[in-house]
Amino acid sequence: MAFKTALWFSPVLLLASAIFFVIVGSAGGLAAAVILVVFSLCLSVYLCWINRRLNYAIQLLSVSTKYPPSHTPILVIGSIVIGILYASFLVIGIGGAIAVKSGFKALFIAAILLSLTWTLQVIKNIVQVTISRIKYLNLAWGRENNIREAFYSTMKHLIGTIALGSAINPLISFIQGSARAMRLAAGDQDEFLFSCAHCYSAIASMLRSRGNRWGFVHVGVYNKGIVEASYDTWEAFKRADLEIVINSDLTVSFCFLCGLSGGAICSMISGIWALVIHKSYATELAIYAFLIGYCLCRIGMAWPQACVSAYYVAYADNPQHPRFDSTVPEQIRDLRRRLQG
């Protein structure tokens, strides 16, 4: 129920945030409102499109998160607190950049926001690597690991790999998403567009096999580099015939929409406060709050994403392991039937 609620409320919250920006009435606020309205409509259509896959996504999320590692809330809450402190520090920097009368003010603010987004992404992936390591070892080998030891190992040996993965994975995900959109838009009527879309999709597929979020599981378990881990993980998916399931997985969509919902709520709260205190800064504060709220919510959702990732990777490495039930094999058969039908 919580899964469906989070999904269906996200377009509503985005629309509410758009209404707030319209009320503010600034040029930037109106531009943000238009973007949010379009995004809300697109999300509504997307949610209708994926409705048939929701039951499987809920079932898999329930199975993979049934026994989370001990002290997971401490790790997640601690990471969120660190993210809040870091975001507060950078917001002060943005205030300083605004106060300085410089022609490079916009460049300074953009650099600060980019640093903020990347750092919070690193924090999210630290949580993801730590949790996925513990879950994988439990699923694959029946080992129980202490979350403190896993976190210490992650911080000591894997920060560089996580930082690199946090930079390249979002870019590759964007390329993959744009390739899908281009392929759908091109169809098979225009030969030139179809050819371009096919080439772009081939490039996107190649990049995904060298950099994907599933690779973070092998990063945590085997201390591999992100490129090697991503490649090995994707090859394991191919051997286990999991590609079709991975391509239709909704876990990241769920986490993304939760992030958007959190960002919209933070945006409205911050914006309303700014309207009361200092209306001229309401648009900027609401936009910054949206970004920070989104990133912090993604940190909070890193642990279920890690559990699902570990489940898939452990299954791909040994599909016959008795710990796995029929959830994934049945989904593979169901998707095959739909494609053939």
Protein backbone atom coordinates (compact mmCIF):
# COMPACT_ATOMS: atom_id res chain seq x y z
CA MET A 1 0.00 0.00 0.00
CA ALA A 2 2.82 2.41 0.89
CA PHE A 3 4.45 1.62 -2.46
CA LYS A 4 1.38 2.59 -4.48
CA THR A 5 0.68 5.61 -2.29
CA ALA A 6 4.19 6.96 -2.82
CA LEU A 7 3.88 6.46 -6.57
CA TRP A 8 0.47 8.02 -7.05
CA PHE A 9 1.03 10.94 -4.69
CA SER A 10 4.17 12.16 -6.45
CA PRO A 11 2.37 13.78 -9.43
CA VAL A 12 -0.10 15.41 -7.02
CA LEU A 13 2.69 16.86 -4.89
CA LEU A 14 4.53 18.10 -7.96
CA LEU A 15 1.36 19.79 -9.14
CA ALA A 16 0.89 21.37 -5.71
CA SER A 17 4.46 22.64 -5.84
CA ALA A 18 3.78 24.08 -9.30
CA ILE A 19 0.73 25.91 -7.95
CA PHE A 20 2.91 27.40 -5.23
CA PHE A 21 5.39 28.72 -7.81
CA VAL A 22 2.50 30.29 -9.73
CA ILE A 23 1.36 32.01 -6.54
CA VAL A 24 4.87 33.42 -6.03
CA GLY A 25 4.50 35.03 -9.44
CA SER A 26 8.14 35.59 -10.36
CA ALA A 27 9.49 34.81 -13.82
CA GLY A 28 11.66 32.02 -12.45
CA GLY A 29 8.74 30.69 -10.45
CA LEU A 30 6.50 30.57 -13.51
CA ALA A 31 9.19 28.72 -15.46
CA ALA A 32 9.57 26.22 -12.62
CA ALA A 33 5.78 25.84 -12.48
CA VAL A 34 5.56 25.00 -16.18
CA ILE A 35 8.32 22.39 -15.83
CA LEU A 36 6.63 20.82 -12.81
CA VAL A 37 3.21 20.71 -14.49
CA VAL A 38 4.66 19.01 -17.58
CA PHE A 39 6.60 16.60 -15.38
CA SER A 40 3.50 15.85 -13.32
CA LEU A 41 1.48 15.02 -16.43
CA CYS A 42 4.27 12.82 -17.80
CA LEU A 43 4.50 10.98 -14.49
CA SER A 44 0.75 10.39 -14.47
CA VAL A 45 0.95 8.80 -17.91
CA TYR A 46 4.00 6.78 -16.84
CA LEU A 47 2.23 5.46 -13.75
CA CYS A 48 -0.70 4.31 -15.85
CA TRP A 49 1.74 2.59 -18.20
CA ILE A 50 3.55 0.67 -15.45
CA ASN A 51 0.41 -0.30 -13.55
CA ARG A 52 0.68 -3.95 -14.65
CA ARG A 53 4.15 -4.24 -13.10
CA LEU A 54 3.28 -2.84 -9.69
CA ASN A 55 2.30 -6.13 -8.05
CA TYR A 56 5.62 -7.76 -8.92
CA ALA A 57 7.56 -4.69 -7.76
CA ILE A 58 5.73 -4.72 -4.43
CA GLN A 59 6.29 -8.45 -4.02
CA LEU A 60 10.01 -8.20 -4.78
CA LEU A 61 10.47 -5.22 -2.49
CA SER A 62 8.72 -7.11 0.29
CA VAL A 63 10.85 -10.22 -0.19
CA SER A 64 14.18 -8.42 -0.46
CA THR A 65 13.62 -6.07 2.49
CA LYS A 66 12.02 -8.63 4.79
CA TYR A 67 15.12 -8.97 6.97
CA PRO A 68 17.12 -5.73 6.78
CA PRO A 69 20.57 -5.60 8.37
CA SER A 70 20.59 -4.71 12.04
CA HIS A 71 21.11 -1.04 12.88
CA THR A 72 20.06 0.03 9.38
CA PRO A 73 17.98 2.95 10.76
CA ILE A 74 21.04 4.28 12.60
CA LEU A 75 23.10 4.28 9.41
CA VAL A 76 20.33 5.87 7.34
CA ILE A 77 19.40 8.54 9.89
CA GLY A 78 23.05 9.35 10.52
CA SER A 79 23.63 9.74 6.78
CA ILE A 80 20.61 12.02 6.45
CA VAL A 81 21.83 14.18 9.34
CA ILE A 82 25.26 14.49 7.72
CA GLY A 83 23.55 15.41 4.45
CA ILE A 84 21.48 18.09 6.20
CA LEU A 85 24.56 19.59 7.84
CA TYR A 86 26.48 19.62 4.57
CA ALA A 87 23.53 21.10 2.68
CA SER A 88 23.16 23.80 5.34
CA PHE A 89 26.82 24.67 4.98
CA LEU A 90 26.54 25.01 1.21
CA VAL A 91 23.33 27.04 1.44
CA ILE A 92 25.31 29.54 3.49
CA GLY A 93 27.81 29.56 0.64
CA ILE A 94 25.01 30.29 -1.82
CA GLY A 95 23.93 33.19 0.37
CA GLY A 96 27.46 34.53 0.25
CA ALA A 97 27.58 34.17 -3.52
CA ILE A 98 24.31 36.10 -3.84
CA ALA A 99 25.59 38.86 -1.56
CA VAL A 100 28.73 39.36 -3.63
CA LYS A 101 28.12 41.62 -6.61
CA SER A 102 29.94 39.66 -9.27
CA GLY A 103 29.32 38.75 -12.86
CA PHE A 104 30.21 35.16 -12.00
CA LYS A 105 27.50 34.84 -9.34
CA ALA A 106 25.42 32.39 -11.38
CA LEU A 107 28.52 30.30 -12.08
CA PHE A 108 29.39 30.18 -8.37
CA ILE A 109 25.86 29.09 -7.44
CA ALA A 110 25.80 26.45 -10.17
CA ALA A 111 29.13 25.06 -8.95
CA ILE A 112 27.88 24.94 -5.36
CA LEU A 113 24.67 23.15 -6.38
CA LEU A 114 26.63 20.67 -8.48
CA SER A 115 28.94 19.97 -5.56
CA LEU A 116 25.95 19.57 -3.25
CA THR A 117 24.20 17.13 -5.57
CA TRP A 118 27.30 15.03 -6.15
CA THR A 119 28.24 14.87 -2.46
CA LEU A 120 24.75 13.83 -1.39
CA GLN A 121 24.82 11.24 -4.17
CA VAL A 122 28.08 9.91 -2.72
CA ILE A 123 26.49 9.67 0.73
CA LYS A 124 23.54 7.79 -0.76
CA ASN A 125 25.83 5.34 -2.51
CA ILE A 126 27.89 4.79 0.64
CA VAL A 127 24.69 3.63 2.32
CA GLN A 128 23.80 1.54 -0.72
CA VAL A 129 27.20 -0.18 -0.90
CA THR A 130 27.23 -0.87 2.83
CA ILE A 131 23.73 -2.37 2.94
CA SER A 132 24.04 -4.29 -0.34
CA ARG A 133 27.29 -5.88 0.85
CA ILE A 134 25.61 -7.24 3.97
CA LYS A 135 22.50 -8.41 2.11
CA TYR A 136 24.50 -10.10 -0.65
CA LEU A 137 26.69 -12.00 1.79
CA ASN A 138 23.60 -13.13 3.65
CA LEU A 139 21.71 -14.21 0.53
CA ALA A 140 24.62 -15.81 -1.30
CA TRP A 141 26.61 -17.35 1.53
CA GLY A 142 24.40 -17.15 4.60
CA ARG A 143 26.86 -14.90 6.41
CA GLU A 144 25.78 -12.29 8.94
CA ASN A 145 27.94 -9.18 8.85
CA ASN A 146 28.05 -6.33 11.31
CA ILE A 147 26.92 -3.06 9.76
CA ARG A 148 29.66 -1.18 11.59
CA GLU A 149 32.36 -3.35 10.04
CA ALA A 150 30.79 -3.08 6.60
CA PHE A 151 30.58 0.71 6.90
CA TYR A 152 34.18 0.93 8.10
CA SER A 153 35.37 -1.19 5.18
CA THR A 154 33.39 0.96 2.75
CA MET A 155 34.83 4.19 4.11
CA LYS A 156 38.38 2.84 4.23
CA HIS A 157 38.65 1.13 0.85
CA LEU A 158 35.84 2.20 -1.47
CA ILE A 159 35.31 5.96 -1.24
CA GLY A 160 37.18 6.67 -4.48
CA THR A 161 35.22 4.06 -6.41
CA ILE A 162 31.92 5.28 -4.97
CA ALA A 163 32.77 8.89 -5.78
CA LEU A 164 33.57 7.96 -9.38
CA GLY A 165 30.44 5.85 -9.70
CA SER A 166 28.34 8.66 -8.25
CA ALA A 167 29.59 10.92 -11.02
CA ILE A 168 29.27 8.60 -14.03
CA ASN A 169 26.20 6.51 -13.18
CA PRO A 170 23.67 9.39 -13.28
CA LEU A 171 25.10 10.47 -16.63
CA ILE A 172 24.85 6.96 -18.05
CA SER A 173 21.32 6.61 -16.67
CA PHE A 174 20.37 9.86 -18.41
CA ILE A 175 21.83 8.60 -21.69
CA GLN A 176 19.97 5.31 -21.29
CA GLY A 177 16.69 7.09 -20.59
CA SER A 178 17.10 9.47 -23.50
CA ALA A 179 17.93 6.52 -25.77
CA ARG A 180 14.66 4.82 -24.80
CA ALA A 181 12.74 8.04 -25.42
CA MET A 182 14.41 8.50 -28.80
CA ARG A 183 13.65 4.91 -29.77
CA LEU A 184 9.98 5.33 -28.87
CA ALA A 185 9.76 8.66 -30.69
CA ALA A 186 11.48 7.39 -33.82
CA GLY A 187 9.30 4.31 -34.23
CA ASP A 188 9.93 2.36 -37.41
CA GLN A 189 8.43 4.73 -39.98
CA ASP A 190 11.33 7.09 -40.59
CA GLU A 191 14.38 5.10 -41.67
CA PHE A 192 16.88 7.85 -40.84
CA LEU A 193 15.50 8.50 -37.35
CA PHE A 194 15.24 4.77 -36.72
CA SER A 195 18.89 4.32 -37.70
CA CYS A 196 20.01 7.19 -35.43
CA ALA A 197 17.95 5.86 -32.54
CA HIS A 198 19.36 2.38 -33.06
CA CYS A 199 22.97 3.65 -32.99
CA TYR A 200 22.32 5.80 -29.93
CA SER A 201 20.67 2.87 -28.14
CA ALA A 202 23.66 0.66 -28.93
CA ILE A 203 25.99 3.24 -27.40
CA ALA A 204 23.74 3.56 -24.35
CA SER A 205 23.66 -0.22 -23.87
CA MET A 206 27.43 -0.42 -24.10
CA LEU A 207 27.83 2.35 -21.53
CA ARG A 208 25.32 0.74 -19.19
CA SER A 209 27.31 -2.48 -19.12
CA ARG A 210 30.35 -0.43 -18.01
CA GLY A 211 28.60 1.72 -15.44
CA ASN A 212 25.37 0.82 -13.66
CA ARG A 213 23.92 0.97 -10.16
CA TRP A 214 23.88 -2.83 -9.84
CA GLY A 215 27.66 -2.79 -9.96
CA PHE A 216 27.76 -1.22 -6.51
CA VAL A 217 26.96 -4.65 -5.06
CA HIS A 218 30.19 -6.15 -6.41
CA VAL A 219 32.02 -2.98 -5.41
CA GLY A 220 31.06 -3.61 -1.81
CA VAL A 221 31.52 -7.39 -1.80
CA TYR A 222 34.65 -7.81 -3.92
CA ASN A 223 36.25 -4.33 -3.71
CA LYS A 224 36.17 -4.01 -7.50
CA GLY A 225 36.32 -0.82 -9.51
CA ILE A 226 32.98 0.50 -10.69
CA VAL A 227 33.61 -0.33 -14.37
CA GLU A 228 34.73 -3.90 -13.69
CA ALA A 229 31.96 -4.46 -11.15
CA SER A 230 29.31 -3.11 -13.52
CA TYR A 231 30.53 -5.27 -16.39
CA ASP A 232 30.70 -8.45 -14.29
CA THR A 233 27.25 -7.79 -12.85
CA TRP A 234 25.70 -7.22 -16.26
CA GLU A 235 27.29 -10.38 -17.63
CA ALA A 236 25.82 -12.29 -14.68
CA PHE A 237 22.40 -10.85 -15.52
CA LYS A 238 22.78 -12.07 -19.08
CA ARG A 239 23.75 -15.57 -17.99
CA ALA A 240 20.78 -15.77 -15.63
CA ASP A 241 18.39 -14.38 -18.27
CA LEU A 242 17.64 -11.45 -15.97
CA GLU A 243 18.03 -8.63 -18.49
CA ILE A 244 14.34 -8.55 -19.31
CA VAL A 245 13.46 -8.24 -15.61
CA ILE A 246 16.13 -5.64 -14.89
CA ASN A 247 14.95 -3.49 -17.79
CA SER A 248 11.43 -3.44 -16.36
CA ASP A 249 12.40 -3.06 -12.69
CA LEU A 250 10.52 -0.32 -10.83
CA THR A 251 12.68 -0.01 -7.72
CA VAL A 252 14.61 3.00 -8.97
CA SER A 253 11.40 4.57 -10.25
CA PHE A 254 9.90 4.14 -6.80
CA CYS A 255 12.93 5.72 -5.11
CA PHE A 256 13.03 8.51 -7.70
CA LEU A 257 9.36 9.35 -7.22
CA CYS A 258 9.78 9.29 -3.44
CA GLY A 259 12.62 11.75 -3.92
CA LEU A 260 10.43 14.00 -6.05
CA SER A 261 7.69 13.86 -3.43
CA GLY A 262 10.15 14.77 -0.69
CA GLY A 263 11.55 17.58 -2.80
CA ALA A 264 8.08 18.96 -3.52
CA ILE A 265 7.15 18.94 0.18
CA CYS A 266 10.41 20.66 1.17
CA SER A 267 9.95 23.17 -1.63
CA MET A 268 6.48 24.17 -0.47
CA ILE A 269 7.44 24.39 3.21
CA SER A 270 10.54 26.45 2.49
CA GLY A 271 8.74 28.61 -0.05
CA ILE A 272 5.85 29.40 2.27
CA TRP A 273 8.31 30.36 4.99
CA ALA A 274 10.16 32.60 2.52
CA LEU A 275 6.91 34.24 1.42
CA VAL A 276 6.25 35.26 5.00
CA ILE A 277 9.81 36.39 5.77
CA HIS A 278 11.26 37.67 2.49
CA LYS A 279 9.11 37.21 -0.63
CA SER A 280 11.82 38.23 -3.11
CA TYR A 281 13.82 35.11 -2.24
CA ALA A 282 10.88 32.69 -2.25
CA THR A 283 11.55 31.24 -5.70
CA GLU A 284 15.26 30.63 -5.14
CA LEU A 285 14.75 29.12 -1.70
CA ALA A 286 11.98 26.86 -2.94
CA ILE A 287 14.15 25.58 -5.79
CA TYR A 288 17.12 24.95 -3.50
CA ALA A 289 14.85 23.22 -0.98
CA PHE A 290 13.43 21.02 -3.74
CA LEU A 291 16.90 19.85 -4.74
CA ILE A 292 18.02 19.27 -1.16
CA GLY A 293 14.79 17.50 -0.22
CA TYR A 294 15.06 15.25 -3.25
CA CYS A 295 18.65 14.25 -2.47
CA LEU A 296 17.98 13.66 1.23
CA CYS A 297 14.95 11.54 0.43
CA ARG A 298 17.07 9.47 -1.96
CA ILE A 299 19.53 8.89 0.90
CA GLY A 300 16.64 7.64 3.01
CA MET A 301 15.52 5.31 0.21
CA ALA A 302 19.02 3.94 -0.42
CA TRP A 303 18.57 0.94 1.87
CA PRO A 304 15.57 -0.66 0.07
CA GLN A 305 17.28 -0.01 -3.25
CA ALA A 306 20.39 -1.72 -1.88
CA CYS A 307 18.36 -4.72 -0.71
CA VAL A 308 16.73 -5.15 -4.12
CA SER A 309 20.07 -4.76 -5.90
CA ALA A 310 21.70 -7.35 -3.66
CA TYR A 311 18.78 -9.73 -4.24
CA TYR A 312 19.05 -9.48 -8.02
CA VAL A 313 22.84 -9.80 -8.10
CA ALA A 314 22.88 -12.73 -5.67
CA TYR A 315 20.18 -14.42 -7.75
CA ALA A 316 22.13 -13.83 -10.96
CA ASP A 317 25.28 -15.34 -9.44
CA ASN A 318 23.42 -18.48 -8.31
CA PRO A 319 19.80 -18.78 -9.49
CA GLN A 320 19.46 -22.28 -8.02
CA HIS A 321 20.22 -21.21 -4.46
CA PRO A 322 17.49 -22.49 -2.10
CA ARG A 323 17.15 -19.06 -0.48
CA PHE A 324 15.39 -17.73 -3.59
CA ASP A 325 11.70 -18.40 -4.11
CA SER A 326 9.78 -18.37 -7.38
CA THR A 327 9.25 -14.59 -7.50
CA VAL A 328 11.89 -13.79 -10.11
CA PRO A 329 11.52 -16.94 -12.29
CA GLU A 330 7.76 -16.39 -12.52
CA GLN A 331 8.31 -12.79 -13.56
CA ILE A 332 10.76 -13.88 -16.25
CA ARG A 333 8.21 -16.34 -17.64
CA ASP A 334 5.43 -13.75 -17.47
CA LEU A 335 7.48 -11.15 -19.35
CA ARG A 336 8.46 -13.73 -21.97
CA ARG A 337 4.81 -14.60 -22.53
CA ARG A 338 3.90 -10.94 -22.98
CA LEU A 339 6.67 -10.42 -25.52
CA GLN A 340 5.65 -13.50 -27.47
CA GLY A 341 1.99 -12.56 -27.29
